[in-house]
Amino acid sequence: MIKELKILIQMQKYDDIIGEKDLLTKSLPRELNSLKQNLKDAEEQLSITEQQLSENLKFQKLKELEIKTNNEKIEKYKNQLISIKTNKEYKALNSEVRHLETLNSKIDDELIAFMEIEANLKTTLEEEKKLKKVADDELKANEEKLKNKITEVEKTIMEIRNKRNTLANDLPQHLVKRYAALIKNKGRKAVIYNDNNACSGCGYSIRPQLIIEIHEGRKIVSCEGCGRMLVPEPAIK
């Protein structure tokens, strides 16, 4: 096999590894961002529930104040009833007392409803605190590991790329450009193999004469379908 073909095969092996590592440079940051987002979402939801609980307690205090104010009025009016002399005034004041007592009864019902919501919010709050802790623990346990993996992968890509580029120095410039164009435009596959007399890259049938030339390995043979460089299957493995 000619020297250039051996170099191209090795370069493709390096680019295969680079392709695999490139996927990690995308998936690992996504994984890290997902953990961060989970914590952010948990914190935001917890904040919403805390705010709802705070508003609920404020409403309860207002309702309690209404009841207290009404009770004070009721007590005042009842005391006045003792000194009232006319039946008309008595009925009017007594009617106001009954109105305030009815109003307090409604407010009590509202207050009970708010207290039930408070209980539910407190239960929800405890659950959300647990979820936040889980998200926080997961981030703390994995953030440094993922960052180290990302750094390691980037370092590996750089090392392999340098090895590939060193090999490319021994190729004619036109061949390097052709290889680079195929890597860029053909799914990172510039060098592929004969797969049962068909191009393993695009499936195009290989003519018998080209099959012979591929297995002789004396020159670079290109697929007539996709333009990739063809080699015997055993050589590319």
C-alpha atoms as a PDB file:
ATOM      1  CA  MET A   1       0.000   0.000   0.000  1.00  0.00           C
ATOM      2  CA  ILE A   2       1.329   3.451  -0.872  1.00  0.00           C
ATOM      3  CA  LYS A   3       2.566   5.661   1.939  1.00  0.00           C
ATOM      4  CA  GLU A   4      -0.067   8.381   1.368  1.00  0.00           C
ATOM      5  CA  LEU A   5      -2.905   5.860   1.704  1.00  0.00           C
ATOM      6  CA  LYS A   6      -1.544   4.533   4.987  1.00  0.00           C
ATOM      7  CA  ILE A   7      -1.313   8.087   6.300  1.00  0.00           C
ATOM      8  CA  LEU A   8      -4.860   8.876   5.201  1.00  0.00           C
ATOM      9  CA  ILE A   9      -6.171   5.740   6.894  1.00  0.00           C
ATOM     10  CA  GLN A  10      -4.478   6.698  10.160  1.00  0.00           C
ATOM     11  CA  MET A  11      -5.731  10.271   9.861  1.00  0.00           C
ATOM     12  CA  GLN A  12      -9.267   8.944   9.460  1.00  0.00           C
ATOM     13  CA  LYS A  13      -8.837   6.824  12.586  1.00  0.00           C
ATOM     14  CA  TYR A  14      -7.823   9.967  14.461  1.00  0.00           C
ATOM     15  CA  ASP A  15     -10.770  11.891  13.035  1.00  0.00           C
ATOM     16  CA  ASP A  16     -13.125   9.101  14.080  1.00  0.00           C
ATOM     17  CA  ILE A  17     -11.916   9.543  17.655  1.00  0.00           C
ATOM     18  CA  ILE A  18     -12.191  13.324  17.361  1.00  0.00           C
ATOM     19  CA  GLY A  19     -15.771  12.902  16.136  1.00  0.00           C
ATOM     20  CA  GLU A  20     -16.652  10.776  19.148  1.00  0.00           C
ATOM     21  CA  LYS A  21     -15.007  13.248  21.515  1.00  0.00           C
ATOM     22  CA  ASP A  22     -16.776  16.170  19.823  1.00  0.00           C
ATOM     23  CA  LEU A  23     -20.089  14.581  20.763  1.00  0.00           C
ATOM     24  CA  LEU A  24     -18.939  14.600  24.386  1.00  0.00           C
ATOM     25  CA  THR A  25     -17.996  18.284  24.177  1.00  0.00           C
ATOM     26  CA  LYS A  26     -21.686  18.896  23.431  1.00  0.00           C
ATOM     27  CA  SER A  27     -23.347  16.316  25.687  1.00  0.00           C
ATOM     28  CA  LEU A  28     -21.260  16.952  28.816  1.00  0.00           C
ATOM     29  CA  PRO A  29     -21.986  20.715  28.968  1.00  0.00           C
ATOM     30  CA  ARG A  30     -25.651  19.956  28.305  1.00  0.00           C
ATOM     31  CA  GLU A  31     -25.625  17.534  31.219  1.00  0.00           C
ATOM     32  CA  LEU A  32     -24.015  20.140  33.458  1.00  0.00           C
ATOM     33  CA  ASN A  33     -26.422  22.857  32.328  1.00  0.00           C
ATOM     34  CA  SER A  34     -29.329  20.492  32.951  1.00  0.00           C
ATOM     35  CA  LEU A  35     -28.218  19.994  36.557  1.00  0.00           C
ATOM     36  CA  LYS A  36     -27.876  23.748  37.011  1.00  0.00           C
ATOM     37  CA  GLN A  37     -31.286  24.334  35.463  1.00  0.00           C
ATOM     38  CA  ASN A  38     -32.860  21.722  37.724  1.00  0.00           C
ATOM     39  CA  LEU A  39     -31.543  23.567  40.764  1.00  0.00           C
ATOM     40  CA  LYS A  40     -32.653  26.928  39.370  1.00  0.00           C
ATOM     41  CA  ASP A  41     -36.157  25.598  38.663  1.00  0.00           C
ATOM     42  CA  ALA A  42     -36.375  24.097  42.154  1.00  0.00           C
ATOM     43  CA  GLU A  43     -35.270  27.384  43.734  1.00  0.00           C
ATOM     44  CA  GLU A  44     -37.747  29.398  41.678  1.00  0.00           C
ATOM     45  CA  GLN A  45     -40.641  27.075  42.524  1.00  0.00           C
ATOM     46  CA  LEU A  46     -39.692  27.152  46.196  1.00  0.00           C
ATOM     47  CA  SER A  47     -39.636  30.949  46.093  1.00  0.00           C
ATOM     48  CA  ILE A  48     -43.099  31.023  44.493  1.00  0.00           C
ATOM     49  CA  THR A  49     -44.544  28.750  47.172  1.00  0.00           C
ATOM     50  CA  GLU A  50     -42.900  30.785  49.955  1.00  0.00           C
ATOM     51  CA  GLN A  51     -44.414  33.927  48.478  1.00  0.00           C
ATOM     52  CA  GLN A  52     -47.844  32.291  48.279  1.00  0.00           C
ATOM     53  CA  LEU A  53     -47.564  31.199  51.900  1.00  0.00           C
ATOM     54  CA  SER A  54     -46.515  34.691  52.954  1.00  0.00           C
ATOM     55  CA  GLU A  55     -49.496  36.236  51.136  1.00  0.00           C
ATOM     56  CA  ASN A  56     -51.797  33.661  52.690  1.00  0.00           C
ATOM     57  CA  LEU A  57     -50.643  34.527  56.205  1.00  0.00           C
ATOM     58  CA  LYS A  58     -51.110  38.231  55.478  1.00  0.00           C
ATOM     59  CA  PHE A  59     -54.702  37.592  54.375  1.00  0.00           C
ATOM     60  CA  GLN A  60     -55.308  35.566  57.523  1.00  0.00           C
ATOM     61  CA  LYS A  61     -54.083  38.436  59.700  1.00  0.00           C
ATOM     62  CA  LEU A  62     -56.343  40.844  57.842  1.00  0.00           C
ATOM     63  CA  LYS A  63     -59.332  38.545  58.336  1.00  0.00           C
ATOM     64  CA  GLU A  64     -58.481  38.130  62.011  1.00  0.00           C
ATOM     65  CA  LEU A  65     -58.253  41.920  62.318  1.00  0.00           C
ATOM     66  CA  GLU A  66     -61.658  42.268  60.663  1.00  0.00           C
ATOM     67  CA  ILE A  67     -63.170  39.833  63.146  1.00  0.00           C
ATOM     68  CA  LYS A  68     -61.515  41.637  66.055  1.00  0.00           C
ATOM     69  CA  THR A  69     -62.786  45.005  64.834  1.00  0.00           C
ATOM     70  CA  ASN A  70     -66.284  43.629  64.342  1.00  0.00           C
ATOM     71  CA  ASN A  71     -66.252  42.022  67.801  1.00  0.00           C
ATOM     72  CA  GLU A  72     -65.280  45.332  69.339  1.00  0.00           C
ATOM     73  CA  LYS A  73     -68.197  46.981  67.551  1.00  0.00           C
ATOM     74  CA  ILE A  74     -70.550  44.204  68.642  1.00  0.00           C
ATOM     75  CA  GLU A  75     -69.455  44.625  72.262  1.00  0.00           C
ATOM     76  CA  LYS A  76     -69.906  48.369  71.986  1.00  0.00           C
ATOM     77  CA  TYR A  77     -73.369  48.070  70.438  1.00  0.00           C
ATOM     78  CA  LYS A  78     -74.477  45.506  73.024  1.00  0.00           C
ATOM     79  CA  ASN A  79     -73.461  47.881  75.789  1.00  0.00           C
ATOM     80  CA  GLN A  80     -75.433  50.639  74.087  1.00  0.00           C
ATOM     81  CA  LEU A  81     -78.500  48.412  73.885  1.00  0.00           C
ATOM     82  CA  ILE A  82     -78.801  48.572  77.657  1.00  0.00           C
ATOM     83  CA  SER A  83     -79.258  52.320  77.678  1.00  0.00           C
ATOM     84  CA  ILE A  84     -81.478  52.656  74.572  1.00  0.00           C
ATOM     85  CA  LYS A  85     -85.015  53.741  75.404  1.00  0.00           C
ATOM     86  CA  THR A  86     -86.920  53.610  72.105  1.00  0.00           C
ATOM     87  CA  ASN A  87     -87.916  50.388  70.396  1.00  0.00           C
ATOM     88  CA  LYS A  88     -86.904  51.749  66.994  1.00  0.00           C
ATOM     89  CA  GLU A  89     -83.347  52.485  68.094  1.00  0.00           C
ATOM     90  CA  TYR A  90     -83.154  49.119  69.829  1.00  0.00           C
ATOM     91  CA  LYS A  91     -84.188  47.241  66.679  1.00  0.00           C
ATOM     92  CA  ALA A  92     -81.756  49.225  64.510  1.00  0.00           C
ATOM     93  CA  LEU A  93     -78.818  48.632  66.824  1.00  0.00           C
ATOM     94  CA  ASN A  94     -79.721  45.006  67.350  1.00  0.00           C
ATOM     95  CA  SER A  95     -79.958  44.555  63.591  1.00  0.00           C
ATOM     96  CA  GLU A  96     -76.434  45.962  63.240  1.00  0.00           C
ATOM     97  CA  VAL A  97     -75.191  43.511  65.866  1.00  0.00           C
ATOM     98  CA  ARG A  98     -76.729  40.568  63.981  1.00  0.00           C
ATOM     99  CA  HIS A  99     -75.247  41.889  60.712  1.00  0.00           C
ATOM    100  CA  LEU A 100     -71.762  42.019  62.242  1.00  0.00           C
ATOM    101  CA  GLU A 101     -72.165  38.547  63.748  1.00  0.00           C
ATOM    102  CA  THR A 102     -73.237  37.179  60.336  1.00  0.00           C
ATOM    103  CA  LEU A 103     -70.315  38.962  58.732  1.00  0.00           C
ATOM    104  CA  ASN A 104     -67.932  37.426  61.261  1.00  0.00           C
ATOM    105  CA  SER A 105     -69.345  33.987  60.516  1.00  0.00           C
ATOM    106  CA  LYS A 106     -68.558  34.457  56.813  1.00  0.00           C
ATOM    107  CA  ILE A 107     -65.103  35.756  57.645  1.00  0.00           C
ATOM    108  CA  ASP A 108     -64.549  32.695  59.848  1.00  0.00           C
ATOM    109  CA  ASP A 109     -65.388  30.475  56.896  1.00  0.00           C
ATOM    110  CA  GLU A 110     -62.938  32.412  54.741  1.00  0.00           C
ATOM    111  CA  LEU A 111     -60.328  32.153  57.462  1.00  0.00           C
ATOM    112  CA  ILE A 112     -60.771  28.378  57.667  1.00  0.00           C
ATOM    113  CA  ALA A 113     -60.348  28.160  53.881  1.00  0.00           C
ATOM    114  CA  PHE A 114     -57.140  30.203  54.107  1.00  0.00           C
ATOM    115  CA  MET A 115     -55.880  27.954  56.908  1.00  0.00           C
ATOM    116  CA  GLU A 116     -56.517  24.854  54.785  1.00  0.00           C
ATOM    117  CA  ILE A 117     -54.594  26.441  51.923  1.00  0.00           C
ATOM    118  CA  GLU A 118     -51.823  27.310  54.404  1.00  0.00           C
ATOM    119  CA  ALA A 119     -51.572  23.662  55.468  1.00  0.00           C
ATOM    120  CA  ASN A 120     -51.356  22.530  51.823  1.00  0.00           C
ATOM    121  CA  LEU A 121     -48.758  25.174  51.037  1.00  0.00           C
ATOM    122  CA  LYS A 122     -46.629  24.090  54.004  1.00  0.00           C
ATOM    123  CA  THR A 123     -46.782  20.475  52.818  1.00  0.00           C
ATOM    124  CA  THR A 124     -45.849  21.578  49.302  1.00  0.00           C
ATOM    125  CA  LEU A 125     -43.068  23.738  50.703  1.00  0.00           C
ATOM    126  CA  GLU A 126     -41.497  20.802  52.530  1.00  0.00           C
ATOM    127  CA  GLU A 127     -41.642  18.669  49.378  1.00  0.00           C
ATOM    128  CA  GLU A 128     -40.078  21.447  47.312  1.00  0.00           C
ATOM    129  CA  LYS A 129     -37.315  21.917  49.883  1.00  0.00           C
ATOM    130  CA  LYS A 130     -36.498  18.234  49.490  1.00  0.00           C
ATOM    131  CA  LEU A 131     -36.479  18.564  45.691  1.00  0.00           C
ATOM    132  CA  LYS A 132     -34.208  21.593  45.941  1.00  0.00           C
ATOM    133  CA  LYS A 133     -31.830  19.673  48.209  1.00  0.00           C
ATOM    134  CA  VAL A 134     -31.756  16.743  45.762  1.00  0.00           C
ATOM    135  CA  ALA A 135     -31.015  19.113  42.864  1.00  0.00           C
ATOM    136  CA  ASP A 136     -28.378  20.921  44.921  1.00  0.00           C
ATOM    137  CA  ASP A 137     -26.730  17.650  45.993  1.00  0.00           C
ATOM    138  CA  GLU A 138     -26.700  16.330  42.425  1.00  0.00           C
ATOM    139  CA  LEU A 139     -25.051  19.501  41.156  1.00  0.00           C
ATOM    140  CA  LYS A 140     -22.459  19.503  43.941  1.00  0.00           C
ATOM    141  CA  ALA A 141     -21.705  15.810  43.367  1.00  0.00           C
ATOM    142  CA  ASN A 142     -21.325  16.094  39.588  1.00  0.00           C
ATOM    143  CA  GLU A 143     -20.320  19.652  38.698  1.00  0.00           C
ATOM    144  CA  GLU A 144     -16.608  19.222  39.347  1.00  0.00           C
ATOM    145  CA  LYS A 145     -16.560  15.772  37.724  1.00  0.00           C
ATOM    146  CA  LEU A 146     -18.278  17.051  34.585  1.00  0.00           C
ATOM    147  CA  LYS A 147     -16.011  20.086  34.369  1.00  0.00           C
ATOM    148  CA  ASN A 148     -12.964  17.804  34.672  1.00  0.00           C
ATOM    149  CA  LYS A 149     -14.364  15.494  31.987  1.00  0.00           C
ATOM    150  CA  ILE A 150     -14.953  18.428  29.666  1.00  0.00           C
ATOM    151  CA  THR A 151     -11.392  19.639  30.211  1.00  0.00           C
ATOM    152  CA  GLU A 152     -10.052  16.123  29.693  1.00  0.00           C
ATOM    153  CA  VAL A 153     -12.020  15.622  26.484  1.00  0.00           C
ATOM    154  CA  GLU A 154     -10.913  18.981  25.090  1.00  0.00           C
ATOM    155  CA  LYS A 155      -7.315  18.103  25.928  1.00  0.00           C
ATOM    156  CA  THR A 156      -7.646  14.707  24.224  1.00  0.00           C
ATOM    157  CA  ILE A 157      -9.144  16.294  21.112  1.00  0.00           C
ATOM    158  CA  MET A 158      -6.247  18.745  20.954  1.00  0.00           C
ATOM    159  CA  GLU A 159      -3.668  15.957  21.336  1.00  0.00           C
ATOM    160  CA  ILE A 160      -5.264  13.761  18.673  1.00  0.00           C
ATOM    161  CA  ARG A 161      -5.730  16.711  16.341  1.00  0.00           C
ATOM    162  CA  ASN A 162      -2.046  17.523  16.683  1.00  0.00           C
ATOM    163  CA  LYS A 163      -1.144  13.909  15.857  1.00  0.00           C
ATOM    164  CA  ARG A 164      -3.400  14.011  12.807  1.00  0.00           C
ATOM    165  CA  ASN A 165      -1.936  17.337  11.679  1.00  0.00           C
ATOM    166  CA  THR A 166       1.585  15.970  12.112  1.00  0.00           C
ATOM    167  CA  LEU A 167       0.696  13.102   9.800  1.00  0.00           C
ATOM    168  CA  ALA A 168      -0.759  15.566   7.297  1.00  0.00           C
ATOM    169  CA  ASN A 169       2.631  17.248   7.016  1.00  0.00           C
ATOM    170  CA  ASP A 170       3.835  14.196   5.081  1.00  0.00           C
ATOM    171  CA  LEU A 171       1.071  14.506   2.470  1.00  0.00           C
ATOM    172  CA  PRO A 172       0.938  16.692  -0.631  1.00  0.00           C
ATOM    173  CA  GLN A 173      -0.991  19.893   0.021  1.00  0.00           C
ATOM    174  CA  HIS A 174      -3.664  19.098  -2.549  1.00  0.00           C
ATOM    175  CA  LEU A 175      -4.356  15.775  -0.829  1.00  0.00           C
ATOM    176  CA  VAL A 176      -4.586  17.438   2.590  1.00  0.00           C
ATOM    177  CA  LYS A 177      -7.118  19.940   1.210  1.00  0.00           C
ATOM    178  CA  ARG A 178      -9.135  17.182  -0.384  1.00  0.00           C
ATOM    179  CA  TYR A 179      -9.140  15.144   2.827  1.00  0.00           C
ATOM    180  CA  ALA A 180     -10.160  18.194   4.881  1.00  0.00           C
ATOM    181  CA  ALA A 181     -13.016  19.001   2.480  1.00  0.00           C
ATOM    182  CA  LEU A 182     -14.340  15.438   2.709  1.00  0.00           C
ATOM    183  CA  ILE A 183     -14.143  15.481   6.518  1.00  0.00           C
ATOM    184  CA  LYS A 184     -16.085  18.739   6.556  1.00  0.00           C
ATOM    185  CA  ASN A 185     -18.723  17.880   3.966  1.00  0.00           C
ATOM    186  CA  LYS A 186     -19.130  14.102   4.225  1.00  0.00           C
ATOM    187  CA  GLY A 187     -20.034  13.501   7.865  1.00  0.00           C
ATOM    188  CA  ARG A 188     -16.419  13.384   9.064  1.00  0.00           C
ATOM    189  CA  LYS A 189     -15.749  10.413   6.779  1.00  0.00           C
ATOM    190  CA  ALA A 190     -13.066  10.989   4.158  1.00  0.00           C
ATOM    191  CA  VAL A 191     -11.671   7.444   4.014  1.00  0.00           C
ATOM    192  CA  ILE A 192     -14.152   4.560   3.860  1.00  0.00           C
ATOM    193  CA  TYR A 193     -14.013   0.919   2.858  1.00  0.00           C
ATOM    194  CA  ASN A 194     -15.324  -1.512   0.300  1.00  0.00           C
ATOM    195  CA  ASP A 195     -18.436  -3.055   1.825  1.00  0.00           C
ATOM    196  CA  ASN A 196     -19.383  -6.096  -0.251  1.00  0.00           C
ATOM    197  CA  ASN A 197     -18.438  -4.286  -3.459  1.00  0.00           C
ATOM    198  CA  ALA A 198     -20.259  -1.103  -2.464  1.00  0.00           C
ATOM    199  CA  CYS A 199     -19.126   2.148  -0.892  1.00  0.00           C
ATOM    200  CA  SER A 200     -19.622   1.936   2.861  1.00  0.00           C
ATOM    201  CA  GLY A 201     -20.217   5.679   2.873  1.00  0.00           C
ATOM    202  CA  CYS A 202     -22.986   6.106   0.316  1.00  0.00           C
ATOM    203  CA  GLY A 203     -23.779   2.567  -0.891  1.00  0.00           C
ATOM    204  CA  TYR A 204     -22.771   3.248  -4.487  1.00  0.00           C
ATOM    205  CA  SER A 205     -21.743   0.081  -6.371  1.00  0.00           C
ATOM    206  CA  ILE A 206     -18.030  -0.169  -7.058  1.00  0.00           C
ATOM    207  CA  ARG A 207     -16.951  -1.215 -10.555  1.00  0.00           C
ATOM    208  CA  PRO A 208     -14.900  -4.437 -10.769  1.00  0.00           C
ATOM    209  CA  GLN A 209     -11.819  -2.605 -12.032  1.00  0.00           C
ATOM    210  CA  LEU A 210     -11.930  -0.200  -9.086  1.00  0.00           C
ATOM    211  CA  ILE A 211     -12.312  -3.121  -6.684  1.00  0.00           C
ATOM    212  CA  ILE A 212      -9.061  -4.538  -7.997  1.00  0.00           C
ATOM    213  CA  GLU A 213      -7.326  -1.175  -7.663  1.00  0.00           C
ATOM    214  CA  ILE A 214      -8.634  -0.736  -4.111  1.00  0.00           C
ATOM    215  CA  HIS A 215      -7.213  -4.069  -2.996  1.00  0.00           C
ATOM    216  CA  GLU A 216      -3.909  -3.465  -4.771  1.00  0.00           C
ATOM    217  CA  GLY A 217      -3.504  -0.279  -2.723  1.00  0.00           C
ATOM    218  CA  ARG A 218      -1.125   1.271  -5.235  1.00  0.00           C
ATOM    219  CA  LYS A 219      -3.116   4.471  -5.657  1.00  0.00           C
ATOM    220  CA  ILE A 220      -5.937   6.411  -4.056  1.00  0.00           C
ATOM    221  CA  VAL A 221      -9.303   5.305  -5.433  1.00  0.00           C
ATOM    222  CA  SER A 222     -12.345   7.532  -5.047  1.00  0.00           C
ATOM    223  CA  CYS A 223     -15.973   6.479  -4.826  1.00  0.00           C
ATOM    224  CA  GLU A 224     -17.765   7.464  -8.032  1.00  0.00           C
ATOM    225  CA  GLY A 225     -20.851   8.254  -5.970  1.00  0.00           C
ATOM    226  CA  CYS A 226     -19.663  10.413  -3.087  1.00  0.00           C
ATOM    227  CA  GLY A 227     -16.002  11.110  -3.838  1.00  0.00           C
ATOM    228  CA  ARG A 228     -14.678   9.585  -0.627  1.00  0.00           C
ATOM    229  CA  MET A 229     -11.388   7.676  -0.689  1.00  0.00           C
ATOM    230  CA  LEU A 230     -11.899   3.900  -0.790  1.00  0.00           C
ATOM    231  CA  VAL A 231      -9.741   1.276   0.940  1.00  0.00           C
ATOM    232  CA  PRO A 232     -10.150  -2.483   1.603  1.00  0.00           C
ATOM    233  CA  GLU A 233     -12.232  -3.137   4.720  1.00  0.00           C
ATOM    234  CA  PRO A 234      -9.429  -4.825   6.738  1.00  0.00           C
ATOM    235  CA  ALA A 235      -7.150  -1.814   6.240  1.00  0.00           C
ATOM    236  CA  ILE A 236      -9.527   0.673   7.780  1.00  0.00           C
ATOM    237  CA  LYS A 237     -10.222  -1.312  10.943  1.00  0.00           C
END
